[in-house]
Amino acid sequence: RDLVARRASREPLQHITGTAPFRHLELRVGPGVFVPRPETETLVQIALDALLAAASPSPIAVDLGTGSGAIALALATEAPHSRVFAAENAVDAFVWAKENFTHVGAENAKLAFIDLARAFADLDGTASVVVSNPPYVPDAAVPRDPEVRWFDPPTALYGGADGLDIVRQVSATALRLAHPGGIVAIEHGESQGAEIRELLSADGWRAPATHTDLTRRDRVTTALHP
């Protein structure tokens, strides 16, 4: 009865069960971390395809703002020849990510608590893939769903006045991390593709392109390192 009451109050089912399925993983989630969504599997597939196509025998992927660790751990387990580095700068989310990294036990994945601007300076110019599902909701655009509005951490949702503050940081950090021909892949809202393509072009990225998710909504924008 308590569980029914919690769900009736619009608490996410994943918080009630303490787990969230994502691709082949069963992740541990709860208050303070963004619950992984099915649409993010589009981002993972794009990053995975790039890792599998990389010339290096052990390509490097970096996940900026890993949250629960969903993207990084999916890449590490589905591309076991890769090396995956995940950065998180929110304390509550990092606690959940650390638990998931321990629980999944991918030896080719490393988690760090670090600001995104300074993340993994020792990897500069070596990453084949830099991936991120950053906060991209404009500050004034409060989500309708109570499960999101009341229970997802604001730091995982809101990205400044136009929603793109963290996207700008991801672009700058990814330019530093990726090698020539490496890819950046960023998840975003369905109306933000054109703005993000322009932003990436202005930063010097090549061939920006926006990809749709399974519901045919614009969901991920990619570009190549010059």
C-alpha atoms as a PDB file:
ATOM      1  CA  ARG A   1       0.000   0.000   0.000  1.00  0.00           C
ATOM      2  CA  ASP A   2       2.885   2.367   0.798  1.00  0.00           C
ATOM      3  CA  LEU A   3       4.346   1.763  -2.674  1.00  0.00           C
ATOM      4  CA  VAL A   4       0.998   2.535  -4.307  1.00  0.00           C
ATOM      5  CA  ALA A   5       0.725   5.752  -2.290  1.00  0.00           C
ATOM      6  CA  ARG A   6       4.228   6.789  -3.337  1.00  0.00           C
ATOM      7  CA  ARG A   7       3.432   6.204  -6.999  1.00  0.00           C
ATOM      8  CA  ALA A   8       0.091   8.024  -6.602  1.00  0.00           C
ATOM      9  CA  SER A   9       2.081  11.027  -5.352  1.00  0.00           C
ATOM     10  CA  ARG A  10       3.897  10.885  -8.748  1.00  0.00           C
ATOM     11  CA  GLU A  11       7.181   9.633  -7.316  1.00  0.00           C
ATOM     12  CA  PRO A  12       8.949   7.929 -10.251  1.00  0.00           C
ATOM     13  CA  LEU A  13       8.614   4.161 -10.319  1.00  0.00           C
ATOM     14  CA  GLN A  14      12.400   3.926 -10.631  1.00  0.00           C
ATOM     15  CA  HIS A  15      12.825   5.743  -7.295  1.00  0.00           C
ATOM     16  CA  ILE A  16      10.362   3.362  -5.663  1.00  0.00           C
ATOM     17  CA  THR A  17      12.087   0.224  -6.971  1.00  0.00           C
ATOM     18  CA  GLY A  18      15.571   1.770  -6.727  1.00  0.00           C
ATOM     19  CA  THR A  19      16.476   0.575 -10.212  1.00  0.00           C
ATOM     20  CA  ALA A  20      16.202   1.751 -13.816  1.00  0.00           C
ATOM     21  CA  PRO A  21      16.698  -0.468 -16.883  1.00  0.00           C
ATOM     22  CA  PHE A  22      18.914   1.026 -19.586  1.00  0.00           C
ATOM     23  CA  ARG A  23      19.849  -1.026 -22.643  1.00  0.00           C
ATOM     24  CA  HIS A  24      21.145  -4.279 -21.114  1.00  0.00           C
ATOM     25  CA  LEU A  25      21.969  -2.698 -17.732  1.00  0.00           C
ATOM     26  CA  GLU A  26      20.011  -2.516 -14.489  1.00  0.00           C
ATOM     27  CA  LEU A  27      21.130   0.734 -12.860  1.00  0.00           C
ATOM     28  CA  ARG A  28      20.620   1.906  -9.303  1.00  0.00           C
ATOM     29  CA  VAL A  29      18.889   5.273  -9.025  1.00  0.00           C
ATOM     30  CA  GLY A  30      17.123   7.443  -6.479  1.00  0.00           C
ATOM     31  CA  PRO A  31      16.805  11.027  -5.225  1.00  0.00           C
ATOM     32  CA  GLY A  32      19.537  13.310  -6.536  1.00  0.00           C
ATOM     33  CA  VAL A  33      20.198  11.625  -9.868  1.00  0.00           C
ATOM     34  CA  PHE A  34      18.538  11.892 -13.274  1.00  0.00           C
ATOM     35  CA  VAL A  35      16.638   8.717 -14.178  1.00  0.00           C
ATOM     36  CA  PRO A  36      17.920   7.351 -17.537  1.00  0.00           C
ATOM     37  CA  ARG A  37      15.402   7.638 -20.386  1.00  0.00           C
ATOM     38  CA  PRO A  38      14.826   5.328 -23.368  1.00  0.00           C
ATOM     39  CA  GLU A  39      15.494   8.195 -25.807  1.00  0.00           C
ATOM     40  CA  THR A  40      19.092   8.393 -24.563  1.00  0.00           C
ATOM     41  CA  GLU A  41      19.706   4.996 -26.153  1.00  0.00           C
ATOM     42  CA  THR A  42      19.898   6.919 -29.465  1.00  0.00           C
ATOM     43  CA  LEU A  43      22.888   8.850 -28.109  1.00  0.00           C
ATOM     44  CA  VAL A  44      24.540   5.638 -26.901  1.00  0.00           C
ATOM     45  CA  GLN A  45      24.064   3.917 -30.263  1.00  0.00           C
ATOM     46  CA  ILE A  46      25.668   6.814 -32.155  1.00  0.00           C
ATOM     47  CA  ALA A  47      28.623   6.867 -29.754  1.00  0.00           C
ATOM     48  CA  LEU A  48      28.922   3.082 -29.861  1.00  0.00           C
ATOM     49  CA  ASP A  49      28.958   3.035 -33.674  1.00  0.00           C
ATOM     50  CA  ALA A  50      31.751   5.644 -33.631  1.00  0.00           C
ATOM     51  CA  LEU A  51      33.772   3.587 -31.137  1.00  0.00           C
ATOM     52  CA  LEU A  52      33.359   0.430 -33.203  1.00  0.00           C
ATOM     53  CA  ALA A  53      34.467   2.308 -36.336  1.00  0.00           C
ATOM     54  CA  ALA A  54      37.486   3.965 -34.680  1.00  0.00           C
ATOM     55  CA  ALA A  55      40.917   3.122 -36.078  1.00  0.00           C
ATOM     56  CA  SER A  56      42.486   2.658 -32.637  1.00  0.00           C
ATOM     57  CA  PRO A  57      42.469  -0.876 -31.170  1.00  0.00           C
ATOM     58  CA  SER A  58      41.446   0.650 -27.829  1.00  0.00           C
ATOM     59  CA  PRO A  59      39.582   3.889 -28.605  1.00  0.00           C
ATOM     60  CA  ILE A  60      38.840   6.397 -25.853  1.00  0.00           C
ATOM     61  CA  ALA A  61      35.369   7.726 -25.047  1.00  0.00           C
ATOM     62  CA  VAL A  62      34.592  10.511 -22.572  1.00  0.00           C
ATOM     63  CA  ASP A  63      31.151  11.039 -21.012  1.00  0.00           C
ATOM     64  CA  LEU A  64      30.727  14.580 -19.679  1.00  0.00           C
ATOM     65  CA  GLY A  65      28.122  14.795 -16.893  1.00  0.00           C
ATOM     66  CA  THR A  66      27.585  11.068 -16.471  1.00  0.00           C
ATOM     67  CA  GLY A  67      24.750  11.258 -13.900  1.00  0.00           C
ATOM     68  CA  SER A  68      23.892   7.664 -12.990  1.00  0.00           C
ATOM     69  CA  GLY A  69      26.690   6.419 -15.253  1.00  0.00           C
ATOM     70  CA  ALA A  70      24.197   5.027 -17.781  1.00  0.00           C
ATOM     71  CA  ILE A  71      25.911   6.196 -20.978  1.00  0.00           C
ATOM     72  CA  ALA A  72      29.477   5.475 -19.864  1.00  0.00           C
ATOM     73  CA  LEU A  73      28.658   2.014 -18.545  1.00  0.00           C
ATOM     74  CA  ALA A  74      26.644   1.095 -21.635  1.00  0.00           C
ATOM     75  CA  LEU A  75      29.601   2.076 -23.835  1.00  0.00           C
ATOM     76  CA  ALA A  76      32.152   0.298 -21.640  1.00  0.00           C
ATOM     77  CA  THR A  77      30.210  -2.962 -21.573  1.00  0.00           C
ATOM     78  CA  GLU A  78      29.103  -2.936 -25.225  1.00  0.00           C
ATOM     79  CA  ALA A  79      32.517  -1.860 -26.567  1.00  0.00           C
ATOM     80  CA  PRO A  80      34.815  -3.782 -24.202  1.00  0.00           C
ATOM     81  CA  HIS A  81      37.867  -2.920 -26.310  1.00  0.00           C
ATOM     82  CA  SER A  82      37.334   0.781 -25.537  1.00  0.00           C
ATOM     83  CA  ARG A  83      38.447   2.869 -22.575  1.00  0.00           C
ATOM     84  CA  VAL A  84      35.682   5.028 -21.132  1.00  0.00           C
ATOM     85  CA  PHE A  85      36.168   8.020 -18.837  1.00  0.00           C
ATOM     86  CA  ALA A  86      33.173   9.591 -17.089  1.00  0.00           C
ATOM     87  CA  ALA A  87      33.041  12.986 -15.363  1.00  0.00           C
ATOM     88  CA  GLU A  88      30.406  14.194 -12.890  1.00  0.00           C
ATOM     89  CA  ASN A  89      30.404  17.424 -10.870  1.00  0.00           C
ATOM     90  CA  ALA A  90      27.196  17.076  -8.803  1.00  0.00           C
ATOM     91  CA  VAL A  91      27.788  15.362  -5.454  1.00  0.00           C
ATOM     92  CA  ASP A  92      24.442  13.531  -5.242  1.00  0.00           C
ATOM     93  CA  ALA A  93      24.687  12.195  -8.793  1.00  0.00           C
ATOM     94  CA  PHE A  94      28.304  11.155  -8.265  1.00  0.00           C
ATOM     95  CA  VAL A  95      27.285   8.967  -5.320  1.00  0.00           C
ATOM     96  CA  TRP A  96      24.857   7.057  -7.558  1.00  0.00           C
ATOM     97  CA  ALA A  97      27.382   6.860 -10.409  1.00  0.00           C
ATOM     98  CA  LYS A  98      30.004   5.443  -8.059  1.00  0.00           C
ATOM     99  CA  GLU A  99      27.547   2.794  -6.881  1.00  0.00           C
ATOM    100  CA  ASN A 100      26.721   1.830 -10.476  1.00  0.00           C
ATOM    101  CA  PHE A 101      30.366   1.693 -11.547  1.00  0.00           C
ATOM    102  CA  THR A 102      31.037  -0.662  -8.627  1.00  0.00           C
ATOM    103  CA  HIS A 103      27.890  -2.694  -9.296  1.00  0.00           C
ATOM    104  CA  VAL A 104      28.529  -3.116 -13.052  1.00  0.00           C
ATOM    105  CA  GLY A 105      32.250  -3.650 -12.538  1.00  0.00           C
ATOM    106  CA  ALA A 106      33.462  -2.588 -15.994  1.00  0.00           C
ATOM    107  CA  GLU A 107      37.247  -2.580 -15.688  1.00  0.00           C
ATOM    108  CA  ASN A 108      37.619  -0.385 -18.784  1.00  0.00           C
ATOM    109  CA  ALA A 109      35.559   2.471 -17.261  1.00  0.00           C
ATOM    110  CA  LYS A 110      36.874   5.196 -14.955  1.00  0.00           C
ATOM    111  CA  LEU A 111      34.771   7.702 -12.984  1.00  0.00           C
ATOM    112  CA  ALA A 112      36.005  11.085 -11.750  1.00  0.00           C
ATOM    113  CA  PHE A 113      34.420  13.829  -9.647  1.00  0.00           C
ATOM    114  CA  ILE A 114      35.568  16.885 -11.550  1.00  0.00           C
ATOM    115  CA  ASP A 115      34.327  20.088 -13.159  1.00  0.00           C
ATOM    116  CA  LEU A 116      33.482  19.552 -16.829  1.00  0.00           C
ATOM    117  CA  ALA A 117      35.726  22.405 -17.969  1.00  0.00           C
ATOM    118  CA  ARG A 118      38.792  20.740 -16.433  1.00  0.00           C
ATOM    119  CA  ALA A 119      37.870  17.106 -17.023  1.00  0.00           C
ATOM    120  CA  PHE A 120      40.629  14.674 -17.999  1.00  0.00           C
ATOM    121  CA  ALA A 121      43.260  17.166 -19.193  1.00  0.00           C
ATOM    122  CA  ASP A 122      45.686  14.235 -19.499  1.00  0.00           C
ATOM    123  CA  LEU A 123      43.516  12.887 -22.328  1.00  0.00           C
ATOM    124  CA  ASP A 124      43.658  16.053 -24.467  1.00  0.00           C
ATOM    125  CA  GLY A 125      43.674  15.195 -28.169  1.00  0.00           C
ATOM    126  CA  THR A 126      43.130  11.449 -27.681  1.00  0.00           C
ATOM    127  CA  ALA A 127      39.352  10.823 -27.502  1.00  0.00           C
ATOM    128  CA  SER A 128      37.583   9.214 -30.447  1.00  0.00           C
ATOM    129  CA  VAL A 129      34.188  10.028 -28.921  1.00  0.00           C
ATOM    130  CA  VAL A 130      33.027  12.722 -26.501  1.00  0.00           C
ATOM    131  CA  VAL A 131      29.428  12.220 -25.469  1.00  0.00           C
ATOM    132  CA  SER A 132      27.054  14.139 -23.209  1.00  0.00           C
ATOM    133  CA  ASN A 133      23.434  14.281 -22.143  1.00  0.00           C
ATOM    134  CA  PRO A 134      23.681  17.718 -20.517  1.00  0.00           C
ATOM    135  CA  PRO A 135      20.947  19.730 -18.802  1.00  0.00           C
ATOM    136  CA  TYR A 136      19.214  21.465 -21.727  1.00  0.00           C
ATOM    137  CA  VAL A 137      15.845  22.739 -20.448  1.00  0.00           C
ATOM    138  CA  PRO A 138      15.645  26.569 -20.549  1.00  0.00           C
ATOM    139  CA  ASP A 139      15.324  27.992 -17.028  1.00  0.00           C
ATOM    140  CA  ALA A 140      11.802  29.312 -17.662  1.00  0.00           C
ATOM    141  CA  ALA A 141      10.499  26.112 -19.293  1.00  0.00           C
ATOM    142  CA  VAL A 142       9.418  24.122 -16.231  1.00  0.00           C
ATOM    143  CA  PRO A 143       8.575  20.523 -17.287  1.00  0.00           C
ATOM    144  CA  ARG A 144       4.892  19.540 -17.119  1.00  0.00           C
ATOM    145  CA  ASP A 145       5.363  16.038 -15.702  1.00  0.00           C
ATOM    146  CA  PRO A 146       5.434  16.014 -11.878  1.00  0.00           C
ATOM    147  CA  GLU A 147       7.832  13.048 -11.999  1.00  0.00           C
ATOM    148  CA  VAL A 148      10.344  15.327 -13.724  1.00  0.00           C
ATOM    149  CA  ARG A 149       9.470  18.649 -12.086  1.00  0.00           C
ATOM    150  CA  TRP A 150       9.464  17.373  -8.504  1.00  0.00           C
ATOM    151  CA  PHE A 151      11.935  14.509  -8.533  1.00  0.00           C
ATOM    152  CA  ASP A 152      14.677  15.024 -11.144  1.00  0.00           C
ATOM    153  CA  PRO A 153      17.502  17.201  -9.752  1.00  0.00           C
ATOM    154  CA  PRO A 154      17.394  20.770 -11.155  1.00  0.00           C
ATOM    155  CA  THR A 155      21.115  20.590 -11.966  1.00  0.00           C
ATOM    156  CA  ALA A 156      20.328  17.755 -14.398  1.00  0.00           C
ATOM    157  CA  LEU A 157      17.483  19.639 -16.092  1.00  0.00           C
ATOM    158  CA  TYR A 158      18.124  23.366 -16.455  1.00  0.00           C
ATOM    159  CA  GLY A 159      20.753  24.812 -18.784  1.00  0.00           C
ATOM    160  CA  GLY A 160      20.421  28.579 -18.417  1.00  0.00           C
ATOM    161  CA  ALA A 161      18.186  31.097 -20.185  1.00  0.00           C
ATOM    162  CA  ASP A 162      18.305  29.320 -23.574  1.00  0.00           C
ATOM    163  CA  GLY A 163      19.072  25.873 -22.163  1.00  0.00           C
ATOM    164  CA  LEU A 164      22.454  25.735 -23.897  1.00  0.00           C
ATOM    165  CA  ASP A 165      24.925  26.922 -21.229  1.00  0.00           C
ATOM    166  CA  ILE A 166      26.247  23.428 -20.505  1.00  0.00           C
ATOM    167  CA  VAL A 167      26.139  22.499 -24.203  1.00  0.00           C
ATOM    168  CA  ARG A 168      28.579  25.376 -24.820  1.00  0.00           C
ATOM    169  CA  GLN A 169      30.880  24.010 -22.129  1.00  0.00           C
ATOM    170  CA  VAL A 170      30.630  20.494 -23.559  1.00  0.00           C
ATOM    171  CA  SER A 171      31.600  21.804 -27.007  1.00  0.00           C
ATOM    172  CA  ALA A 172      34.652  23.618 -25.618  1.00  0.00           C
ATOM    173  CA  THR A 173      35.796  20.666 -23.498  1.00  0.00           C
ATOM    174  CA  ALA A 174      35.193  18.189 -26.319  1.00  0.00           C
ATOM    175  CA  LEU A 175      37.315  20.299 -28.702  1.00  0.00           C
ATOM    176  CA  ARG A 176      40.172  19.921 -26.237  1.00  0.00           C
ATOM    177  CA  LEU A 177      39.669  16.195 -25.677  1.00  0.00           C
ATOM    178  CA  ALA A 178      38.929  14.823 -29.156  1.00  0.00           C
ATOM    179  CA  HIS A 179      41.548  13.923 -31.732  1.00  0.00           C
ATOM    180  CA  PRO A 180      41.209  15.149 -35.350  1.00  0.00           C
ATOM    181  CA  GLY A 181      38.252  13.309 -36.874  1.00  0.00           C
ATOM    182  CA  GLY A 182      36.886  12.423 -33.439  1.00  0.00           C
ATOM    183  CA  ILE A 183      33.177  12.904 -32.815  1.00  0.00           C
ATOM    184  CA  VAL A 184      31.155  14.889 -30.311  1.00  0.00           C
ATOM    185  CA  ALA A 185      27.586  13.669 -29.676  1.00  0.00           C
ATOM    186  CA  ILE A 186      25.167  15.728 -27.579  1.00  0.00           C
ATOM    187  CA  GLU A 187      21.592  14.917 -26.564  1.00  0.00           C
ATOM    188  CA  HIS A 188      19.133  17.838 -26.567  1.00  0.00           C
ATOM    189  CA  GLY A 189      15.512  18.905 -26.770  1.00  0.00           C
ATOM    190  CA  GLU A 190      13.597  18.367 -30.002  1.00  0.00           C
ATOM    191  CA  SER A 191      13.613  22.074 -30.948  1.00  0.00           C
ATOM    192  CA  GLN A 192      17.329  22.738 -30.267  1.00  0.00           C
ATOM    193  CA  GLY A 193      19.057  20.976 -33.168  1.00  0.00           C
ATOM    194  CA  ALA A 194      19.560  24.015 -35.408  1.00  0.00           C
ATOM    195  CA  GLU A 195      20.924  26.176 -32.576  1.00  0.00           C
ATOM    196  CA  ILE A 196      23.359  23.465 -31.522  1.00  0.00           C
ATOM    197  CA  ARG A 197      24.551  22.889 -35.096  1.00  0.00           C
ATOM    198  CA  GLU A 198      25.257  26.637 -35.359  1.00  0.00           C
ATOM    199  CA  LEU A 199      27.000  26.664 -31.985  1.00  0.00           C
ATOM    200  CA  LEU A 200      29.238  23.723 -32.927  1.00  0.00           C
ATOM    201  CA  SER A 201      30.072  25.236 -36.329  1.00  0.00           C
ATOM    202  CA  ALA A 202      31.008  28.531 -34.680  1.00  0.00           C
ATOM    203  CA  ASP A 203      33.336  26.635 -32.332  1.00  0.00           C
ATOM    204  CA  GLY A 204      35.107  25.070 -35.318  1.00  0.00           C
ATOM    205  CA  TRP A 205      33.505  21.619 -35.449  1.00  0.00           C
ATOM    206  CA  ARG A 206      32.928  20.100 -38.910  1.00  0.00           C
ATOM    207  CA  ALA A 207      29.834  18.523 -40.479  1.00  0.00           C
ATOM    208  CA  PRO A 208      27.304  19.063 -37.679  1.00  0.00           C
ATOM    209  CA  ALA A 209      24.253  16.824 -38.094  1.00  0.00           C
ATOM    210  CA  THR A 210      21.090  16.222 -36.066  1.00  0.00           C
ATOM    211  CA  HIS A 211      19.661  12.722 -35.590  1.00  0.00           C
ATOM    212  CA  THR A 212      16.168  11.611 -34.564  1.00  0.00           C
ATOM    213  CA  ASP A 213      15.202   9.210 -31.781  1.00  0.00           C
ATOM    214  CA  LEU A 214      12.798   6.274 -32.101  1.00  0.00           C
ATOM    215  CA  THR A 215       9.823   8.662 -31.936  1.00  0.00           C
ATOM    216  CA  ARG A 216      11.296  10.641 -34.887  1.00  0.00           C
ATOM    217  CA  ARG A 217      12.014  13.678 -32.743  1.00  0.00           C
ATOM    218  CA  ASP A 218      15.334  15.504 -33.121  1.00  0.00           C
ATOM    219  CA  ARG A 219      17.382  14.182 -30.195  1.00  0.00           C
ATOM    220  CA  VAL A 220      21.153  14.118 -30.822  1.00  0.00           C
ATOM    221  CA  THR A 221      23.526  16.420 -32.674  1.00  0.00           C
ATOM    222  CA  THR A 222      26.970  15.240 -33.736  1.00  0.00           C
ATOM    223  CA  ALA A 223      29.996  16.904 -35.292  1.00  0.00           C
ATOM    224  CA  LEU A 224      33.563  15.995 -36.243  1.00  0.00           C
ATOM    225  CA  HIS A 225      36.739  17.436 -34.749  1.00  0.00           C
ATOM    226  CA  PRO A 226      38.618  19.514 -37.330  1.00  0.00           C
END
